[in-house]
Amino acid sequence: MPWSLHRFHKTCDPHFITFSCYRRQPLLRDPHACQALEAALEGVRGCYGMHVFGYVVMPEHVHLLVTEPERSTLAVAMQMLKQKTGQKLASPHGTPFWQRRYYDRNIHSYKEHIAALRYIHRNPVKRGLVELPEQWRWSSFLHYATGAEGVVEIESEWTARKREQMGVVPTVKYKLPYPLAKNAREG
């Protein structure tokens, strides 16, 4: 691991994660590739007991805002996500699909949480791929804007409300170090 890359786990902090396609090639520009990544993310989320707050699939990289998994480690969950998609979308030439490492930053506050979600959702607009975040199909933006359910279950107030209406009592084993609802004093 490079000396400058510090990962802090078992902190109950969500993690802002970025990983890239091999040599930053636009290997995720095809809808089939994006669908495969979303399906793999949902599979890893369920299998490892990870909560996904947000994501975006860009043509050459992916951003995630997730909790540490309840089963195993974040590194193992990311390895499985990359392995599943890499195998499904493997090049016939044998070149890797993903760069080997991923960038990981702990999110310590509500303000950082919102900033990470905004960054994730605005990334396609900033890159000039669409004019508005809701036009980019491969992100969690529409869930936050409308409550729409997609392939990946997003942990949000919409999801919590739906669980309440169904009478489901969550058995969440993590506690965020900050509230997800904005505190009035933070103005």
C-alpha atoms as a PDB file:
ATOM      1  CA  MET A   1       0.000   0.000   0.000  1.00  0.00           C
ATOM      2  CA  PRO A   2       1.407   3.444  -0.857  1.00  0.00           C
ATOM      3  CA  TRP A   3       2.611   5.435   2.125  1.00  0.00           C
ATOM      4  CA  SER A   4       0.182   8.272   1.414  1.00  0.00           C
ATOM      5  CA  LEU A   5      -2.897   6.007   1.400  1.00  0.00           C
ATOM      6  CA  HIS A   6      -4.330   5.729   4.919  1.00  0.00           C
ATOM      7  CA  ARG A   7      -7.503   3.741   5.499  1.00  0.00           C
ATOM      8  CA  PHE A   8      -9.318   3.840   8.816  1.00  0.00           C
ATOM      9  CA  HIS A   9     -11.730   0.995   9.452  1.00  0.00           C
ATOM     10  CA  LYS A  10     -13.953  -0.079  12.357  1.00  0.00           C
ATOM     11  CA  THR A  11     -14.775   3.595  12.982  1.00  0.00           C
ATOM     12  CA  CYS A  12     -18.512   3.468  12.103  1.00  0.00           C
ATOM     13  CA  ASP A  13     -17.755   6.159   9.531  1.00  0.00           C
ATOM     14  CA  PRO A  14     -19.172   5.838   6.039  1.00  0.00           C
ATOM     15  CA  HIS A  15     -16.550   5.627   3.304  1.00  0.00           C
ATOM     16  CA  PHE A  16     -16.313   7.628   0.101  1.00  0.00           C
ATOM     17  CA  ILE A  17     -14.735   5.230  -2.382  1.00  0.00           C
ATOM     18  CA  THR A  18     -13.450   5.745  -5.899  1.00  0.00           C
ATOM     19  CA  PHE A  19     -12.045   3.090  -8.192  1.00  0.00           C
ATOM     20  CA  SER A  20     -11.109   3.259 -11.851  1.00  0.00           C
ATOM     21  CA  CYS A  21     -11.114   1.129 -14.944  1.00  0.00           C
ATOM     22  CA  TYR A  22      -7.733  -0.130 -16.110  1.00  0.00           C
ATOM     23  CA  ARG A  23      -5.642   2.817 -17.306  1.00  0.00           C
ATOM     24  CA  ARG A  24      -8.749   5.031 -16.972  1.00  0.00           C
ATOM     25  CA  GLN A  25     -10.212   3.554 -20.159  1.00  0.00           C
ATOM     26  CA  PRO A  26     -13.972   4.214 -20.644  1.00  0.00           C
ATOM     27  CA  LEU A  27     -14.883   0.546 -20.144  1.00  0.00           C
ATOM     28  CA  LEU A  28     -18.171   1.503 -18.441  1.00  0.00           C
ATOM     29  CA  ARG A  29     -19.534   3.598 -21.301  1.00  0.00           C
ATOM     30  CA  ASP A  30     -21.771   0.747 -22.456  1.00  0.00           C
ATOM     31  CA  PRO A  31     -25.186   0.348 -20.733  1.00  0.00           C
ATOM     32  CA  HIS A  32     -24.564  -3.408 -20.410  1.00  0.00           C
ATOM     33  CA  ALA A  33     -21.403  -2.690 -18.376  1.00  0.00           C
ATOM     34  CA  CYS A  34     -23.271  -0.215 -16.125  1.00  0.00           C
ATOM     35  CA  GLN A  35     -26.070  -2.732 -15.546  1.00  0.00           C
ATOM     36  CA  ALA A  36     -23.518  -5.403 -14.647  1.00  0.00           C
ATOM     37  CA  LEU A  37     -21.850  -3.070 -12.153  1.00  0.00           C
ATOM     38  CA  GLU A  38     -25.179  -2.120 -10.534  1.00  0.00           C
ATOM     39  CA  ALA A  39     -26.193  -5.783 -10.253  1.00  0.00           C
ATOM     40  CA  ALA A  40     -22.828  -6.681  -8.721  1.00  0.00           C
ATOM     41  CA  LEU A  41     -23.042  -3.753  -6.274  1.00  0.00           C
ATOM     42  CA  GLU A  42     -26.492  -4.874  -5.129  1.00  0.00           C
ATOM     43  CA  GLY A  43     -25.227  -8.459  -4.755  1.00  0.00           C
ATOM     44  CA  VAL A  44     -22.233  -7.357  -2.674  1.00  0.00           C
ATOM     45  CA  ARG A  45     -24.430  -5.005  -0.626  1.00  0.00           C
ATOM     46  CA  GLY A  46     -26.771  -7.856   0.288  1.00  0.00           C
ATOM     47  CA  CYS A  47     -24.130 -10.537   0.739  1.00  0.00           C
ATOM     48  CA  TYR A  48     -21.870  -8.493   3.027  1.00  0.00           C
ATOM     49  CA  GLY A  49     -24.503  -6.430   4.847  1.00  0.00           C
ATOM     50  CA  MET A  50     -23.227  -3.133   3.500  1.00  0.00           C
ATOM     51  CA  HIS A  51     -25.364   0.009   3.267  1.00  0.00           C
ATOM     52  CA  VAL A  52     -25.112   2.125   0.134  1.00  0.00           C
ATOM     53  CA  PHE A  53     -25.902   5.824   0.590  1.00  0.00           C
ATOM     54  CA  GLY A  54     -25.011   6.820  -2.951  1.00  0.00           C
ATOM     55  CA  TYR A  55     -23.192   5.863  -6.119  1.00  0.00           C
ATOM     56  CA  VAL A  56     -22.434   6.916  -9.656  1.00  0.00           C
ATOM     57  CA  VAL A  57     -21.063   4.840 -12.513  1.00  0.00           C
ATOM     58  CA  MET A  58     -18.989   7.010 -14.823  1.00  0.00           C
ATOM     59  CA  PRO A  59     -17.485   5.815 -18.136  1.00  0.00           C
ATOM     60  CA  GLU A  60     -14.062   5.165 -16.583  1.00  0.00           C
ATOM     61  CA  HIS A  61     -14.580   5.150 -12.813  1.00  0.00           C
ATOM     62  CA  VAL A  62     -17.069   4.591  -9.992  1.00  0.00           C
ATOM     63  CA  HIS A  63     -17.846   6.580  -6.828  1.00  0.00           C
ATOM     64  CA  LEU A  64     -19.551   4.985  -3.809  1.00  0.00           C
ATOM     65  CA  LEU A  65     -20.679   6.248  -0.420  1.00  0.00           C
ATOM     66  CA  VAL A  66     -21.072   3.151   1.757  1.00  0.00           C
ATOM     67  CA  THR A  67     -20.802   1.788   5.278  1.00  0.00           C
ATOM     68  CA  GLU A  68     -18.352  -0.878   6.254  1.00  0.00           C
ATOM     69  CA  PRO A  69     -19.913  -4.292   5.729  1.00  0.00           C
ATOM     70  CA  GLU A  70     -21.395  -6.168   8.677  1.00  0.00           C
ATOM     71  CA  ARG A  71     -19.810  -9.366   7.363  1.00  0.00           C
ATOM     72  CA  SER A  72     -16.119  -9.272   6.396  1.00  0.00           C
ATOM     73  CA  THR A  73     -14.122  -6.141   5.585  1.00  0.00           C
ATOM     74  CA  LEU A  74     -14.565  -3.252   3.197  1.00  0.00           C
ATOM     75  CA  ALA A  75     -11.473  -4.392   1.282  1.00  0.00           C
ATOM     76  CA  VAL A  76     -13.002  -7.854   0.724  1.00  0.00           C
ATOM     77  CA  ALA A  77     -16.344  -6.347  -0.340  1.00  0.00           C
ATOM     78  CA  MET A  78     -14.592  -4.041  -2.850  1.00  0.00           C
ATOM     79  CA  GLN A  79     -12.502  -6.953  -4.109  1.00  0.00           C
ATOM     80  CA  MET A  80     -15.661  -9.001  -4.684  1.00  0.00           C
ATOM     81  CA  LEU A  81     -17.408  -6.114  -6.451  1.00  0.00           C
ATOM     82  CA  LYS A  82     -14.467  -5.614  -8.777  1.00  0.00           C
ATOM     83  CA  GLN A  83     -14.012  -9.358  -9.326  1.00  0.00           C
ATOM     84  CA  LYS A  84     -17.671  -9.948 -10.195  1.00  0.00           C
ATOM     85  CA  THR A  85     -17.797  -7.134 -12.727  1.00  0.00           C
ATOM     86  CA  GLY A  86     -14.294  -7.808 -14.022  1.00  0.00           C
ATOM     87  CA  GLN A  87     -15.139 -11.440 -14.758  1.00  0.00           C
ATOM     88  CA  LYS A  88     -18.450 -10.592 -16.393  1.00  0.00           C
ATOM     89  CA  LEU A  89     -16.992  -7.804 -18.524  1.00  0.00           C
ATOM     90  CA  ALA A  90     -13.541  -9.292 -19.130  1.00  0.00           C
ATOM     91  CA  SER A  91     -11.678  -8.319 -22.259  1.00  0.00           C
ATOM     92  CA  PRO A  92     -11.047 -11.113 -24.765  1.00  0.00           C
ATOM     93  CA  HIS A  93      -7.443  -9.859 -24.891  1.00  0.00           C
ATOM     94  CA  GLY A  94      -6.843 -10.663 -21.220  1.00  0.00           C
ATOM     95  CA  THR A  95      -6.215  -7.082 -20.120  1.00  0.00           C
ATOM     96  CA  PRO A  96      -7.485  -6.229 -16.631  1.00  0.00           C
ATOM     97  CA  PHE A  97     -10.819  -4.456 -16.275  1.00  0.00           C
ATOM     98  CA  TRP A  98      -9.969  -2.502 -13.090  1.00  0.00           C
ATOM     99  CA  GLN A  99      -6.994  -0.653 -11.679  1.00  0.00           C
ATOM    100  CA  ARG A 100      -5.672  -2.599  -8.713  1.00  0.00           C
ATOM    101  CA  ARG A 101      -6.390  -0.188  -5.863  1.00  0.00           C
ATOM    102  CA  TYR A 102      -9.204   2.080  -4.745  1.00  0.00           C
ATOM    103  CA  TYR A 103      -9.318   5.472  -3.058  1.00  0.00           C
ATOM    104  CA  ASP A 104     -11.076   5.503   0.324  1.00  0.00           C
ATOM    105  CA  ARG A 105     -11.882   8.478   2.538  1.00  0.00           C
ATOM    106  CA  ASN A 106     -13.768   8.360   5.829  1.00  0.00           C
ATOM    107  CA  ILE A 107     -16.777  10.673   6.146  1.00  0.00           C
ATOM    108  CA  HIS A 108     -16.913  12.169   9.652  1.00  0.00           C
ATOM    109  CA  SER A 109     -19.848  14.584   9.603  1.00  0.00           C
ATOM    110  CA  TYR A 110     -23.238  15.304   8.110  1.00  0.00           C
ATOM    111  CA  LYS A 111     -21.693  18.165   6.134  1.00  0.00           C
ATOM    112  CA  GLU A 112     -19.098  15.815   4.577  1.00  0.00           C
ATOM    113  CA  HIS A 113     -21.824  13.224   3.896  1.00  0.00           C
ATOM    114  CA  ILE A 114     -23.903  15.741   1.930  1.00  0.00           C
ATOM    115  CA  ALA A 115     -20.819  17.079   0.133  1.00  0.00           C
ATOM    116  CA  ALA A 116     -19.873  13.529  -0.946  1.00  0.00           C
ATOM    117  CA  LEU A 117     -23.418  12.840  -2.221  1.00  0.00           C
ATOM    118  CA  ARG A 118     -23.459  16.129  -4.125  1.00  0.00           C
ATOM    119  CA  TYR A 119     -20.078  15.365  -5.653  1.00  0.00           C
ATOM    120  CA  ILE A 120     -21.251  11.875  -6.664  1.00  0.00           C
ATOM    121  CA  HIS A 121     -24.511  13.096  -8.197  1.00  0.00           C
ATOM    122  CA  ARG A 122     -23.036  16.149  -9.948  1.00  0.00           C
ATOM    123  CA  ASN A 123     -20.082  14.280 -11.445  1.00  0.00           C
ATOM    124  CA  PRO A 124     -21.830  13.482 -14.787  1.00  0.00           C
ATOM    125  CA  VAL A 125     -22.898  17.146 -15.116  1.00  0.00           C
ATOM    126  CA  LYS A 126     -19.423  18.434 -14.297  1.00  0.00           C
ATOM    127  CA  ARG A 127     -17.963  16.119 -16.932  1.00  0.00           C
ATOM    128  CA  GLY A 128     -20.457  17.359 -19.549  1.00  0.00           C
ATOM    129  CA  LEU A 129     -22.160  13.987 -20.001  1.00  0.00           C
ATOM    130  CA  VAL A 130     -25.605  15.441 -19.146  1.00  0.00           C
ATOM    131  CA  GLU A 131     -27.054  18.837 -18.300  1.00  0.00           C
ATOM    132  CA  LEU A 132     -28.898  17.767 -15.128  1.00  0.00           C
ATOM    133  CA  PRO A 133     -28.106  15.016 -12.563  1.00  0.00           C
ATOM    134  CA  GLU A 134     -31.494  13.353 -13.118  1.00  0.00           C
ATOM    135  CA  GLN A 135     -30.551  12.712 -16.752  1.00  0.00           C
ATOM    136  CA  TRP A 136     -27.715  10.348 -15.758  1.00  0.00           C
ATOM    137  CA  ARG A 137     -29.238   6.899 -15.447  1.00  0.00           C
ATOM    138  CA  TRP A 138     -26.347   5.266 -13.576  1.00  0.00           C
ATOM    139  CA  SER A 139     -26.508   6.922 -10.173  1.00  0.00           C
ATOM    140  CA  SER A 140     -28.547   7.117  -6.991  1.00  0.00           C
ATOM    141  CA  PHE A 141     -29.738  10.680  -7.745  1.00  0.00           C
ATOM    142  CA  LEU A 142     -33.277   9.747  -8.818  1.00  0.00           C
ATOM    143  CA  HIS A 143     -33.745   7.813  -5.578  1.00  0.00           C
ATOM    144  CA  TYR A 144     -32.989  10.959  -3.553  1.00  0.00           C
ATOM    145  CA  ALA A 145     -35.078  13.192  -5.831  1.00  0.00           C
ATOM    146  CA  THR A 146     -38.174  10.973  -6.087  1.00  0.00           C
ATOM    147  CA  GLY A 147     -37.809   7.904  -3.873  1.00  0.00           C
ATOM    148  CA  ALA A 148     -37.628   5.706  -6.982  1.00  0.00           C
ATOM    149  CA  GLU A 149     -36.247   2.246  -6.357  1.00  0.00           C
ATOM    150  CA  GLY A 150     -33.507   1.065  -8.650  1.00  0.00           C
ATOM    151  CA  VAL A 151     -31.319  -2.008  -8.859  1.00  0.00           C
ATOM    152  CA  VAL A 152     -29.236  -0.939  -5.849  1.00  0.00           C
ATOM    153  CA  GLU A 153     -30.998  -0.437  -2.503  1.00  0.00           C
ATOM    154  CA  ILE A 154     -30.076   3.025  -1.261  1.00  0.00           C
ATOM    155  CA  GLU A 155     -30.021   3.736   2.469  1.00  0.00           C
ATOM    156  CA  SER A 156     -31.959   6.991   2.816  1.00  0.00           C
ATOM    157  CA  GLU A 157     -34.919   8.611   4.529  1.00  0.00           C
ATOM    158  CA  TRP A 158     -37.116   7.237   1.696  1.00  0.00           C
ATOM    159  CA  THR A 159     -35.971   3.698   2.505  1.00  0.00           C
ATOM    160  CA  ALA A 160     -36.401   4.207   6.254  1.00  0.00           C
ATOM    161  CA  ARG A 161     -39.934   5.554   5.748  1.00  0.00           C
ATOM    162  CA  LYS A 162     -40.839   2.592   3.554  1.00  0.00           C
ATOM    163  CA  ARG A 163     -39.551   0.169   6.211  1.00  0.00           C
ATOM    164  CA  GLU A 164     -41.588   1.952   8.883  1.00  0.00           C
ATOM    165  CA  GLN A 165     -44.763   1.695   6.790  1.00  0.00           C
ATOM    166  CA  MET A 166     -44.140  -2.010   6.324  1.00  0.00           C
ATOM    167  CA  GLY A 167     -43.585  -2.474  10.061  1.00  0.00           C
ATOM    168  CA  VAL A 168     -40.011  -3.618   9.559  1.00  0.00           C
ATOM    169  CA  VAL A 169     -37.745  -2.923  12.509  1.00  0.00           C
ATOM    170  CA  PRO A 170     -34.201  -2.485  11.230  1.00  0.00           C
ATOM    171  CA  THR A 171     -31.467  -4.592  12.786  1.00  0.00           C
ATOM    172  CA  VAL A 172     -28.684  -2.228  11.796  1.00  0.00           C
ATOM    173  CA  LYS A 173     -25.417  -3.030  13.495  1.00  0.00           C
ATOM    174  CA  TYR A 174     -23.761   0.288  12.734  1.00  0.00           C
ATOM    175  CA  LYS A 175     -24.386   3.743  14.124  1.00  0.00           C
ATOM    176  CA  LEU A 176     -23.320   6.789  12.193  1.00  0.00           C
ATOM    177  CA  PRO A 177     -21.221   9.241  14.202  1.00  0.00           C
ATOM    178  CA  TYR A 178     -23.598  11.982  12.991  1.00  0.00           C
ATOM    179  CA  PRO A 179     -27.340  12.214  12.328  1.00  0.00           C
ATOM    180  CA  LEU A 180     -28.575  11.866   8.749  1.00  0.00           C
ATOM    181  CA  ALA A 181     -31.187  14.546   9.333  1.00  0.00           C
ATOM    182  CA  LYS A 182     -29.684  18.013   9.458  1.00  0.00           C
ATOM    183  CA  ASN A 183     -29.469  19.452  12.947  1.00  0.00           C
ATOM    184  CA  ALA A 184     -31.159  22.865  13.211  1.00  0.00           C
ATOM    185  CA  ARG A 185     -28.057  24.340  14.888  1.00  0.00           C
ATOM    186  CA  GLU A 186     -25.900  23.541  11.832  1.00  0.00           C
ATOM    187  CA  GLY A 187     -27.850  26.135   9.752  1.00  0.00           C
END
